Amino acid sequence: MSEVKLTKIAETNVDPTTLSSHAARMCYTADTPKLGDTIDVENRLFKTGHHSTLEHNYWTFMIENIPVSSVVFGLHLTAPFYDTDQRSGRFSKMYDNPDMADIKNTLETYYPFVPDRYINQACTFIDKGLNVYADNKDRVIELARNQIHFERPCASEKYIESNAPKLAQEQLRMFVSMIAPTALDWTVDLATICAFYRTAWTPFMRDVMDKIAKQIKTEHPDIAYMFDENMRNTEYWSPKFAPCYMGAKTRPEFRLLDYKYDDKLFKENKSRDTVDTLQFSPEYMDNSLMYVRSRIHMDAGATMGQDQRHRSIKRSKPVFTGYFYLPPLLDKAGLKPVATTWMRDFYKMVNNPKFSRSMATSIAPYGAMVQYDKHADLNALIHEQGKRTCWCAQEAIYHLACDLRRELEQKIGSDAAVLKYLTPPCLSMGHCVEGPRFCGRSIALDKINGYFRDRQI
């Protein structure tokens, strides 16, 4: 893992200068422009800020060995202008086969300014969390197996044996450090690449953008001016660590801050289609003027990472709160004292002014909780809730989605039309769309009033 690996796997098949010139000429000439007639892109477009012309060129990069923390608090944190598909955490090799020498090498490579004693302290912390994972894995798998029998009565034995280890891993990874490597396909346009090149705020992001810029400048030297080293951010950014208390929480927290809803203006989507047309059809434009604003308190590594997939929703900067998220099976396994002690160890590093905050963020455990605000228009919210109220969704983000629905219902009334669409496909469309990933429950036995209940897996 010691170095992030970048591989270009696709790009727009027209040269950036050629395509941006064509886009500009399309705007400012009466005749159809000829592809190949170029203009002074640097002075007429780039320096003047006409960067929409740069957005026609796309690249897709395969990024490997990047820490989960530098995706959650880096590539996926703020910019909505990308497309990504990331390897699921359940396929991480670090959980069961950790290479502590490689982890140490990674920290030394990306934090060369950090003294050895702090690198060693970080590695000790990471190793301790991995030991908690390994020591409790078999017990939590058995708890998951029993809980599937209880919560999902239609699940087959094959489903149980296949999913019990996955669900146990999903909850136990709260003790794993987010230095764990992941991989993703990342598709970005040229304007976004330029912006990320200038703003990259973690050493891992900076390395990724260095490699992307080098490759683009080699293949398209005529646009090398877009990557000016003197215009780059030189400071690493990390979320604030603002603990008022250190402990463990066994459920994420949701708070409704504000909303705007008018049942007479809300336009229902009755298409029963898995294609999300709400953001595209003029019929639903007025829904975007209504919104829900909320504050959530969740684990950073898993639930926040899931939440970031809905890029049409606006979010504030996350703040570490000092709490550790202890999922239901881990609480049942009696791991709350372990979690509390472990978080105290983490904050001893965080509170040391000589310990790099950027490195502390990079090694934070999956279970370290963050708080931030969200602002979702109704079209975006319907799309999110359709995914997150499903029992195939991770337990914590499911509970946040159900809490949102319950609190909103108290404000707008149980007969509000929008509530029919803040539901999974099995309720809104009348059938499950997950195929072999069917959750193992019977909708015939769970009418809408009984569906949104608590679960442990």
Protein backbone atom coordinates (compact mmCIF):
# COMPACT_ATOMS: atom_id res chain seq x y z
CA MET A 1 0.00 0.00 0.00
CA SER A 2 2.99 2.29 0.47
CA GLU A 3 2.15 4.39 -2.61
CA VAL A 4 -1.10 5.27 -4.35
CA LYS A 5 -1.30 3.76 -7.83
CA LEU A 6 -3.00 5.60 -10.68
CA THR A 7 -3.97 4.11 -14.05
CA LYS A 8 -5.76 5.97 -16.83
CA ILE A 9 -8.36 3.64 -18.31
CA ALA A 10 -10.39 5.98 -20.56
CA GLU A 11 -10.51 9.52 -21.91
CA THR A 12 -12.45 11.65 -24.37
CA ASN A 13 -11.15 10.81 -27.85
CA VAL A 14 -10.72 14.45 -28.94
CA ASP A 15 -7.77 16.61 -27.90
CA PRO A 16 -8.67 19.09 -25.09
CA THR A 17 -7.61 22.19 -27.03
CA THR A 18 -9.54 21.04 -30.09
CA LEU A 19 -12.72 20.24 -28.18
CA SER A 20 -12.75 23.35 -25.98
CA SER A 21 -12.08 25.49 -29.09
CA HIS A 22 -15.06 23.91 -30.82
CA ALA A 23 -17.25 24.53 -27.77
CA ALA A 24 -16.20 28.18 -27.63
CA ARG A 25 -16.74 28.73 -31.35
CA MET A 26 -20.18 27.14 -31.04
CA CYS A 27 -21.07 29.89 -28.58
CA TYR A 28 -19.66 32.84 -30.48
CA THR A 29 -19.99 32.18 -34.22
CA ALA A 30 -23.00 32.20 -36.51
CA ASP A 31 -21.82 29.24 -38.58
CA THR A 32 -21.28 25.67 -37.49
CA PRO A 33 -17.67 25.47 -36.28
CA LYS A 34 -15.25 23.02 -37.84
CA LEU A 35 -13.66 20.53 -35.47
CA GLY A 36 -9.94 21.20 -35.64
CA ASP A 37 -10.06 24.98 -35.93
CA THR A 38 -8.46 26.04 -32.66
CA ILE A 39 -8.30 29.30 -30.76
CA ASP A 40 -5.97 30.63 -28.07
CA VAL A 41 -7.51 28.54 -25.28
CA GLU A 42 -5.05 29.72 -22.64
CA ASN A 43 -5.77 33.44 -23.01
CA ARG A 44 -9.33 33.44 -24.33
CA LEU A 45 -10.82 30.68 -22.19
CA PHE A 46 -8.61 29.46 -19.37
CA LYS A 47 -7.31 32.76 -18.00
CA THR A 48 -10.68 34.47 -18.45
CA GLY A 49 -12.55 31.78 -16.50
CA HIS A 50 -14.67 30.36 -19.35
CA HIS A 51 -14.14 26.88 -17.98
CA SER A 52 -17.42 25.32 -19.04
CA THR A 53 -15.63 24.77 -22.36
CA LEU A 54 -13.16 22.50 -20.54
CA GLU A 55 -15.88 20.25 -19.16
CA HIS A 56 -16.34 18.39 -22.45
CA ASN A 57 -13.12 16.45 -21.91
CA TYR A 58 -13.35 13.56 -19.46
CA TRP A 59 -10.85 11.10 -18.08
CA THR A 60 -11.47 7.94 -16.09
CA PHE A 61 -8.72 6.88 -13.71
CA MET A 62 -8.41 3.71 -11.67
CA ILE A 63 -7.01 4.73 -8.29
CA GLU A 64 -5.63 1.94 -6.11
CA ASN A 65 -4.10 1.85 -2.62
CA ILE A 66 -5.64 5.15 -1.57
CA PRO A 67 -6.76 5.18 2.09
CA VAL A 68 -10.47 5.19 2.81
CA SER A 69 -9.87 8.36 4.85
CA SER A 70 -8.54 10.23 1.81
CA VAL A 71 -11.67 9.33 -0.13
CA VAL A 72 -14.14 10.17 2.65
CA PHE A 73 -12.29 13.33 3.76
CA GLY A 74 -10.77 13.99 0.35
CA LEU A 75 -11.96 13.03 -3.12
CA HIS A 76 -15.61 12.62 -2.11
CA LEU A 77 -15.87 15.33 0.53
CA THR A 78 -17.13 18.36 -1.32
CA ALA A 79 -17.06 18.43 -5.15
CA PRO A 80 -20.18 17.04 -6.86
CA PHE A 81 -18.50 17.11 -10.28
CA TYR A 82 -17.35 13.52 -10.65
CA ASP A 83 -18.56 9.97 -11.10
CA THR A 84 -17.13 7.21 -8.98
CA ASP A 85 -17.46 3.52 -8.20
CA GLN A 86 -15.55 2.44 -5.12
CA ARG A 87 -14.61 -1.00 -3.85
CA SER A 88 -16.84 -2.07 -0.97
CA GLY A 89 -15.11 -2.15 2.41
CA ARG A 90 -16.10 -5.79 2.84
CA PHE A 91 -13.49 -6.69 0.20
CA SER A 92 -10.62 -5.00 2.03
CA LYS A 93 -7.64 -7.31 2.52
CA MET A 94 -6.44 -5.26 5.48
CA TYR A 95 -9.07 -6.56 7.89
CA ASP A 96 -7.98 -10.19 7.93
CA ASN A 97 -4.44 -9.94 6.56
CA PRO A 98 -2.97 -6.66 7.81
CA ASP A 99 0.61 -5.84 6.84
CA MET A 100 1.77 -3.50 9.57
CA ALA A 101 5.17 -3.02 7.94
CA ASP A 102 3.46 -1.77 4.81
CA ILE A 103 1.14 0.47 6.84
CA LYS A 104 4.15 1.99 8.58
CA ASN A 105 5.85 2.48 5.24
CA THR A 106 2.75 4.25 3.93
CA LEU A 107 2.73 6.69 6.84
CA GLU A 108 6.46 7.32 6.46
CA THR A 109 6.04 7.90 2.71
CA TYR A 110 3.20 10.42 2.96
CA TYR A 111 4.14 12.04 6.27
CA PRO A 112 7.96 12.30 6.04
CA PHE A 113 7.91 15.33 8.35
CA VAL A 114 6.36 13.36 11.26
CA PRO A 115 8.89 12.07 13.86
CA ASP A 116 9.34 8.31 14.13
CA ARG A 117 7.87 8.13 17.63
CA TYR A 118 4.54 9.44 16.37
CA ILE A 119 4.56 7.09 13.38
CA ASN A 120 5.13 4.23 15.83
CA GLN A 121 2.35 5.52 18.11
CA ALA A 122 -0.04 5.60 15.15
CA CYS A 123 0.91 2.06 14.14
CA THR A 124 0.34 0.79 17.68
CA PHE A 125 -3.13 2.34 17.64
CA ILE A 126 -3.94 0.83 14.23
CA ASP A 127 -2.70 -2.61 15.29
CA LYS A 128 -4.78 -2.52 18.48
CA GLY A 129 -7.96 -1.92 16.48
CA LEU A 130 -7.13 -4.74 14.07
CA ASN A 131 -6.66 -7.07 17.04
CA VAL A 132 -10.11 -6.15 18.37
CA TYR A 133 -11.49 -7.02 14.93
CA ALA A 134 -9.68 -10.37 14.77
CA ASP A 135 -10.39 -11.39 18.38
CA ASN A 136 -14.16 -10.83 18.06
CA LYS A 137 -14.84 -11.88 14.49
CA ASP A 138 -16.13 -15.41 15.14
CA ARG A 139 -18.36 -14.30 18.01
CA VAL A 140 -19.93 -11.45 16.02
CA ILE A 141 -20.50 -13.72 13.01
CA GLU A 142 -22.50 -16.05 15.26
CA LEU A 143 -24.49 -13.10 16.61
CA ALA A 144 -25.18 -12.00 13.04
CA ARG A 145 -26.30 -15.49 12.06
CA ASN A 146 -28.79 -15.61 14.95
CA GLN A 147 -30.05 -12.12 14.23
CA ILE A 148 -30.72 -12.91 10.56
CA HIS A 149 -32.94 -15.79 11.68
CA PHE A 150 -34.85 -13.39 13.93
CA GLU A 151 -35.13 -10.29 11.69
CA ARG A 152 -35.32 -11.88 8.23
CA PRO A 153 -37.56 -14.93 8.49
CA CYS A 154 -37.66 -15.54 4.72
CA ALA A 155 -33.88 -15.76 4.41
CA SER A 156 -32.57 -19.10 3.20
CA GLU A 157 -29.75 -20.98 4.91
CA LYS A 158 -27.55 -20.14 1.93
CA TYR A 159 -28.32 -16.46 2.42
CA ILE A 160 -27.55 -16.69 6.12
CA GLU A 161 -24.21 -18.44 5.66
CA SER A 162 -23.22 -16.01 2.92
CA ASN A 163 -24.28 -12.82 4.66
CA ALA A 164 -23.52 -13.41 8.33
CA PRO A 165 -19.76 -12.90 7.81
CA LYS A 166 -20.42 -9.80 5.67
CA LEU A 167 -22.73 -8.22 8.22
CA ALA A 168 -20.33 -9.02 11.05
CA GLN A 169 -17.46 -7.47 9.12
CA GLU A 170 -19.59 -4.42 8.30
CA GLN A 171 -20.06 -3.73 12.00
CA LEU A 172 -16.65 -4.85 13.29
CA ARG A 173 -14.79 -2.58 10.84
CA MET A 174 -15.66 0.31 13.19
CA PHE A 175 -12.45 -0.72 14.99
CA VAL A 176 -10.38 -0.64 11.78
CA SER A 177 -8.37 2.46 10.89
CA MET A 178 -9.41 4.36 7.77
CA ILE A 179 -5.82 4.11 6.56
CA ALA A 180 -7.20 0.87 5.10
CA PRO A 181 -6.57 0.96 1.34
CA THR A 182 -9.43 1.06 -1.13
CA ALA A 183 -9.76 1.41 -4.91
CA LEU A 184 -12.12 3.24 -7.23
CA ASP A 185 -12.84 4.24 -10.80
CA TRP A 186 -12.96 8.04 -10.83
CA THR A 187 -14.30 9.96 -13.83
CA VAL A 188 -13.65 13.70 -13.91
CA ASP A 189 -13.70 16.51 -16.46
CA LEU A 190 -10.78 18.81 -17.18
CA ALA A 191 -12.15 21.75 -15.20
CA THR A 192 -12.55 19.55 -12.12
CA ILE A 193 -9.05 18.15 -12.54
CA CYS A 194 -7.65 21.70 -12.62
CA ALA A 195 -9.60 22.61 -9.47
CA PHE A 196 -8.56 19.48 -7.57
CA TYR A 197 -4.94 19.98 -8.66
CA ARG A 198 -4.97 23.41 -7.00
CA THR A 199 -6.95 22.53 -3.88
CA ALA A 200 -5.80 18.99 -2.92
CA TRP A 201 -5.76 19.04 0.89
CA THR A 202 -4.37 15.64 1.87
CA PRO A 203 -0.96 14.23 0.91
CA PHE A 204 -2.68 11.29 -0.80
CA MET A 205 -4.89 13.58 -2.89
CA ARG A 206 -1.87 15.69 -3.80
CA ASP A 207 -0.06 12.56 -5.00
CA VAL A 208 -3.07 11.51 -7.09
CA MET A 209 -3.31 14.95 -8.70
CA ASP A 210 0.46 15.07 -9.31
CA LYS A 211 0.21 11.80 -11.22
CA ILE A 212 -2.86 12.90 -13.18
CA ALA A 213 -1.27 16.24 -14.11
CA LYS A 214 1.97 14.55 -15.15
CA GLN A 215 0.12 12.14 -17.42
CA ILE A 216 -2.04 14.84 -19.01
CA LYS A 217 0.94 17.16 -19.57
CA THR A 218 2.86 14.30 -21.20
CA GLU A 219 0.01 13.42 -23.55
CA HIS A 220 -1.27 16.99 -24.10
CA PRO A 221 1.70 19.33 -23.57
CA ASP A 222 -0.20 22.24 -25.11
CA ILE A 223 -2.32 22.54 -21.94
CA ALA A 224 0.52 22.22 -19.42
CA TYR A 225 -0.18 25.83 -18.39
CA MET A 226 -3.34 24.65 -16.64
CA PHE A 227 -1.20 22.97 -13.97
CA ASP A 228 0.73 25.83 -12.39
CA GLU A 229 2.60 24.62 -9.32
CA ASN A 230 2.67 28.16 -7.91
CA MET A 231 -1.15 28.25 -7.76
CA ARG A 232 -1.48 25.15 -5.57
CA ASN A 233 -2.69 24.93 -2.02
CA THR A 234 0.25 24.26 0.29
CA GLU A 235 -1.65 23.51 3.51
CA TYR A 236 -3.24 20.23 4.53
CA TRP A 237 -6.83 20.52 5.70
CA SER A 238 -8.49 18.29 8.30
CA PRO A 239 -11.90 18.40 10.00
CA LYS A 240 -12.07 20.02 13.41
CA PHE A 241 -11.72 17.75 16.40
CA ALA A 242 -14.18 19.18 18.91
CA PRO A 243 -14.92 16.51 21.52
CA CYS A 244 -17.02 17.61 24.46
CA TYR A 245 -17.13 14.01 25.69
CA MET A 246 -15.48 10.73 24.73
CA GLY A 247 -17.62 7.63 24.74
CA ALA A 248 -19.65 5.27 22.57
CA LYS A 249 -23.07 5.65 20.98
CA THR A 250 -25.11 2.67 19.88
CA ARG A 251 -27.21 4.56 17.36
CA PRO A 252 -26.57 7.42 14.94
CA GLU A 253 -28.46 10.63 15.68
CA PHE A 254 -30.77 12.66 13.46
CA ARG A 255 -32.26 16.09 14.07
CA LEU A 256 -34.66 17.92 11.77
CA LEU A 257 -33.59 21.57 11.59
CA ASP A 258 -35.92 23.07 9.00
CA TYR A 259 -38.16 22.14 6.09
CA LYS A 260 -40.31 23.65 3.37
CA TYR A 261 -43.18 21.58 2.03
CA ASP A 262 -46.50 22.26 0.35
CA ASP A 263 -48.64 19.21 -0.35
CA LYS A 264 -50.53 21.09 -3.07
CA LEU A 265 -47.35 21.89 -4.99
CA PHE A 266 -45.68 18.51 -4.60
CA LYS A 267 -45.67 16.54 -7.86
CA GLU A 268 -45.79 12.79 -7.43
CA ASN A 269 -43.60 10.47 -9.47
CA LYS A 270 -45.76 7.51 -10.42
CA SER A 271 -43.45 5.99 -13.03
CA ARG A 272 -42.48 2.96 -10.89
CA ASP A 273 -39.11 3.08 -12.65
CA THR A 274 -35.61 2.45 -11.29
CA VAL A 275 -34.30 5.26 -13.51
CA ASP A 276 -34.28 8.49 -11.48
CA THR A 277 -36.11 11.00 -13.70
CA LEU A 278 -36.93 13.50 -10.94
CA GLN A 279 -33.89 15.70 -11.59
CA PHE A 280 -34.46 15.63 -15.37
CA SER A 281 -38.15 16.11 -16.11
CA PRO A 282 -39.64 19.65 -16.11
CA GLU A 283 -42.70 18.08 -14.50
CA TYR A 284 -40.84 17.82 -11.18
CA MET A 285 -38.92 21.10 -11.15
CA ASP A 286 -41.08 22.70 -8.45
CA ASN A 287 -40.20 19.86 -6.07
CA SER A 288 -36.66 21.25 -6.01
CA LEU A 289 -37.89 24.42 -4.31
CA MET A 290 -39.03 22.40 -1.30
CA TYR A 291 -36.40 21.00 1.04
CA VAL A 292 -35.42 19.30 4.28
CA ARG A 293 -32.49 20.56 6.36
CA SER A 294 -31.10 18.26 9.02
CA ARG A 295 -28.18 17.61 11.36
CA ILE A 296 -26.74 14.14 11.65
CA HIS A 297 -24.21 12.44 13.93
CA MET A 298 -22.75 9.31 12.38
CA ASP A 299 -19.63 7.19 11.99
CA ALA A 300 -17.15 8.71 9.56
CA GLY A 301 -15.82 5.68 7.74
CA ALA A 302 -18.85 3.67 6.67
CA THR A 303 -22.04 5.74 7.05
CA MET A 304 -20.57 9.07 6.00
CA GLY A 305 -18.97 7.34 3.03
CA GLN A 306 -22.37 5.93 2.06
CA ASP A 307 -24.01 9.31 2.54
CA GLN A 308 -21.55 11.01 0.17
CA ARG A 309 -22.80 8.94 -2.74
CA HIS A 310 -25.82 11.25 -3.01
CA ARG A 311 -23.98 14.23 -4.51
CA SER A 312 -27.11 16.28 -5.27
CA ILE A 313 -27.44 16.89 -1.50
CA LYS A 314 -25.52 19.76 0.08
CA ARG A 315 -23.47 19.21 3.25
CA SER A 316 -21.54 21.31 5.73
CA LYS A 317 -18.00 20.50 6.85
CA PRO A 318 -17.88 17.47 9.19
CA VAL A 319 -16.59 17.82 12.75
CA PHE A 320 -15.21 14.96 14.85
CA THR A 321 -17.22 14.85 18.09
CA GLY A 322 -15.27 12.46 20.29
CA TYR A 323 -17.83 9.66 20.15
CA PHE A 324 -17.39 6.16 18.76
CA TYR A 325 -20.21 4.45 16.90
CA LEU A 326 -20.83 1.00 18.36
CA PRO A 327 -23.25 -0.94 16.09
CA PRO A 328 -25.85 -3.22 17.71
CA LEU A 329 -23.96 -6.51 17.40
CA LEU A 330 -20.82 -4.99 18.93
CA ASP A 331 -22.85 -3.62 21.81
CA LYS A 332 -24.39 -7.05 22.29
CA ALA A 333 -20.88 -8.51 22.29
CA GLY A 334 -19.97 -6.24 25.22
CA LEU A 335 -17.43 -4.10 23.37
CA LYS A 336 -18.53 -0.69 24.67
CA PRO A 337 -15.72 -0.42 27.30
CA VAL A 338 -13.18 -1.40 24.63
CA ALA A 339 -14.52 1.26 22.26
CA THR A 340 -14.44 3.99 24.91
CA THR A 341 -10.87 3.21 25.91
CA TRP A 342 -9.77 3.03 22.28
CA MET A 343 -11.24 6.45 21.49
CA ARG A 344 -9.40 7.92 24.46
CA ASP A 345 -6.18 6.55 22.96
CA PHE A 346 -7.06 8.17 19.64
CA TYR A 347 -7.71 11.57 21.18
CA LYS A 348 -4.43 11.44 23.10
CA MET A 349 -2.81 11.60 19.68
CA VAL A 350 -5.22 14.21 18.36
CA ASN A 351 -4.69 16.49 21.36
CA ASN A 352 -0.92 16.35 21.09
CA PRO A 353 0.02 19.59 19.22
CA LYS A 354 3.10 17.85 17.81
CA PHE A 355 1.03 15.04 16.27
CA SER A 356 0.01 15.86 12.67
CA ARG A 357 -3.75 16.51 12.43
CA SER A 358 -3.65 15.38 8.83
CA MET A 359 -2.13 12.04 9.87
CA ALA A 360 -4.61 11.74 12.74
CA THR A 361 -7.44 12.13 10.22
CA SER A 362 -5.88 9.56 7.92
CA ILE A 363 -5.69 6.91 10.68
CA ALA A 364 -9.04 7.70 12.35
CA PRO A 365 -11.15 4.60 12.97
CA TYR A 366 -14.18 3.88 10.84
CA GLY A 367 -16.26 4.29 14.01
CA ALA A 368 -15.07 7.82 14.88
CA MET A 369 -18.26 9.90 14.78
CA VAL A 370 -18.71 13.17 12.93
CA GLN A 371 -21.50 15.72 12.85
CA TYR A 372 -22.61 17.88 9.94
CA ASP A 373 -25.68 19.49 8.43
CA LYS A 374 -27.45 18.46 5.22
CA HIS A 375 -29.75 20.36 2.86
CA ALA A 376 -31.74 18.24 0.42
CA ASP A 377 -34.39 19.35 -2.05
CA LEU A 378 -37.30 16.93 -2.33
CA ASN A 379 -36.18 15.38 -5.62
CA ALA A 380 -32.77 14.60 -4.16
CA LEU A 381 -34.34 13.41 -0.92
CA ILE A 382 -36.70 10.98 -2.65
CA HIS A 383 -33.77 9.44 -4.51
CA GLU A 384 -31.73 9.13 -1.31
CA GLN A 385 -34.56 7.69 0.77
CA GLY A 386 -35.40 5.11 -1.87
CA LYS A 387 -31.91 3.68 -1.38
CA ARG A 388 -31.43 4.24 2.34
CA THR A 389 -34.76 3.03 3.75
CA CYS A 390 -34.17 -0.35 2.09
CA TRP A 391 -33.18 -3.19 4.44
CA CYS A 392 -30.28 -3.95 2.09
CA ALA A 393 -28.78 -0.63 3.19
CA GLN A 394 -26.29 -0.57 6.02
CA GLU A 395 -27.93 -0.59 9.46
CA ALA A 396 -26.79 2.88 10.59
CA ILE A 397 -27.77 4.78 7.45
CA TYR A 398 -31.11 2.93 7.40
CA HIS A 399 -31.85 4.22 10.90
CA LEU A 400 -30.97 7.79 9.90
CA ALA A 401 -33.32 7.53 6.92
CA CYS A 402 -36.15 6.17 9.07
CA ASP A 403 -35.61 8.90 11.69
CA LEU A 404 -35.84 11.55 8.97
CA ARG A 405 -39.09 10.08 7.72
CA ARG A 406 -40.60 9.88 11.20
CA GLU A 407 -39.65 13.44 12.20
CA LEU A 408 -40.85 14.89 8.90
CA GLU A 409 -44.13 13.00 9.21
CA GLN A 410 -44.72 14.63 12.60
CA LYS A 411 -44.40 18.05 10.96
CA ILE A 412 -46.29 17.61 7.68
CA GLY A 413 -48.82 14.92 8.66
CA SER A 414 -49.10 11.25 7.85
CA ASP A 415 -51.26 11.93 4.77
CA ALA A 416 -48.62 14.08 3.02
CA ALA A 417 -48.07 12.76 -0.50
CA VAL A 418 -44.29 12.92 -0.34
CA LEU A 419 -44.14 10.26 2.40
CA LYS A 420 -45.21 7.60 -0.10
CA TYR A 421 -41.94 8.21 -1.91
CA LEU A 422 -39.63 8.36 1.09
CA THR A 423 -39.72 4.58 0.99
CA PRO A 424 -37.80 1.66 -0.57
CA PRO A 425 -38.86 0.30 -4.00
CA CYS A 426 -40.66 -2.65 -2.43
CA LEU A 427 -43.17 -0.19 -0.94
CA SER A 428 -43.22 2.61 -3.53
CA MET A 429 -43.08 0.33 -6.61
CA GLY A 430 -44.71 -2.78 -5.19
CA HIS A 431 -41.80 -5.14 -5.74
CA CYS A 432 -38.16 -5.66 -4.73
CA VAL A 433 -35.57 -4.62 -7.31
CA GLU A 434 -32.55 -6.18 -5.56
CA GLY A 435 -32.78 -9.63 -7.17
CA PRO A 436 -30.39 -12.07 -5.43
CA ARG A 437 -29.66 -9.37 -2.81
CA PHE A 438 -33.24 -9.64 -1.52
CA CYS A 439 -33.14 -8.77 2.19
CA GLY A 440 -34.93 -11.87 3.45
CA ARG A 441 -38.11 -10.21 4.69
CA SER A 442 -41.72 -10.44 3.54
CA ILE A 443 -43.46 -7.22 2.52
CA ALA A 444 -46.78 -9.06 2.76
CA LEU A 445 -46.17 -9.25 6.51
CA ASP A 446 -44.84 -5.69 6.78
CA LYS A 447 -47.32 -3.02 5.83
CA ILE A 448 -45.97 0.51 5.63
CA ASN A 449 -46.78 1.33 9.27
CA GLY A 450 -44.68 -1.58 10.50
CA TYR A 451 -41.87 -1.44 7.99
CA PHE A 452 -39.66 1.34 9.39
CA ARG A 453 -38.67 -0.38 12.61
CA ASP A 454 -35.32 -0.76 14.30
CA ARG A 455 -32.94 -3.51 13.28
CA GLN A 456 -29.60 -4.83 14.47
CA ILE A 457 -28.14 -5.96 11.14
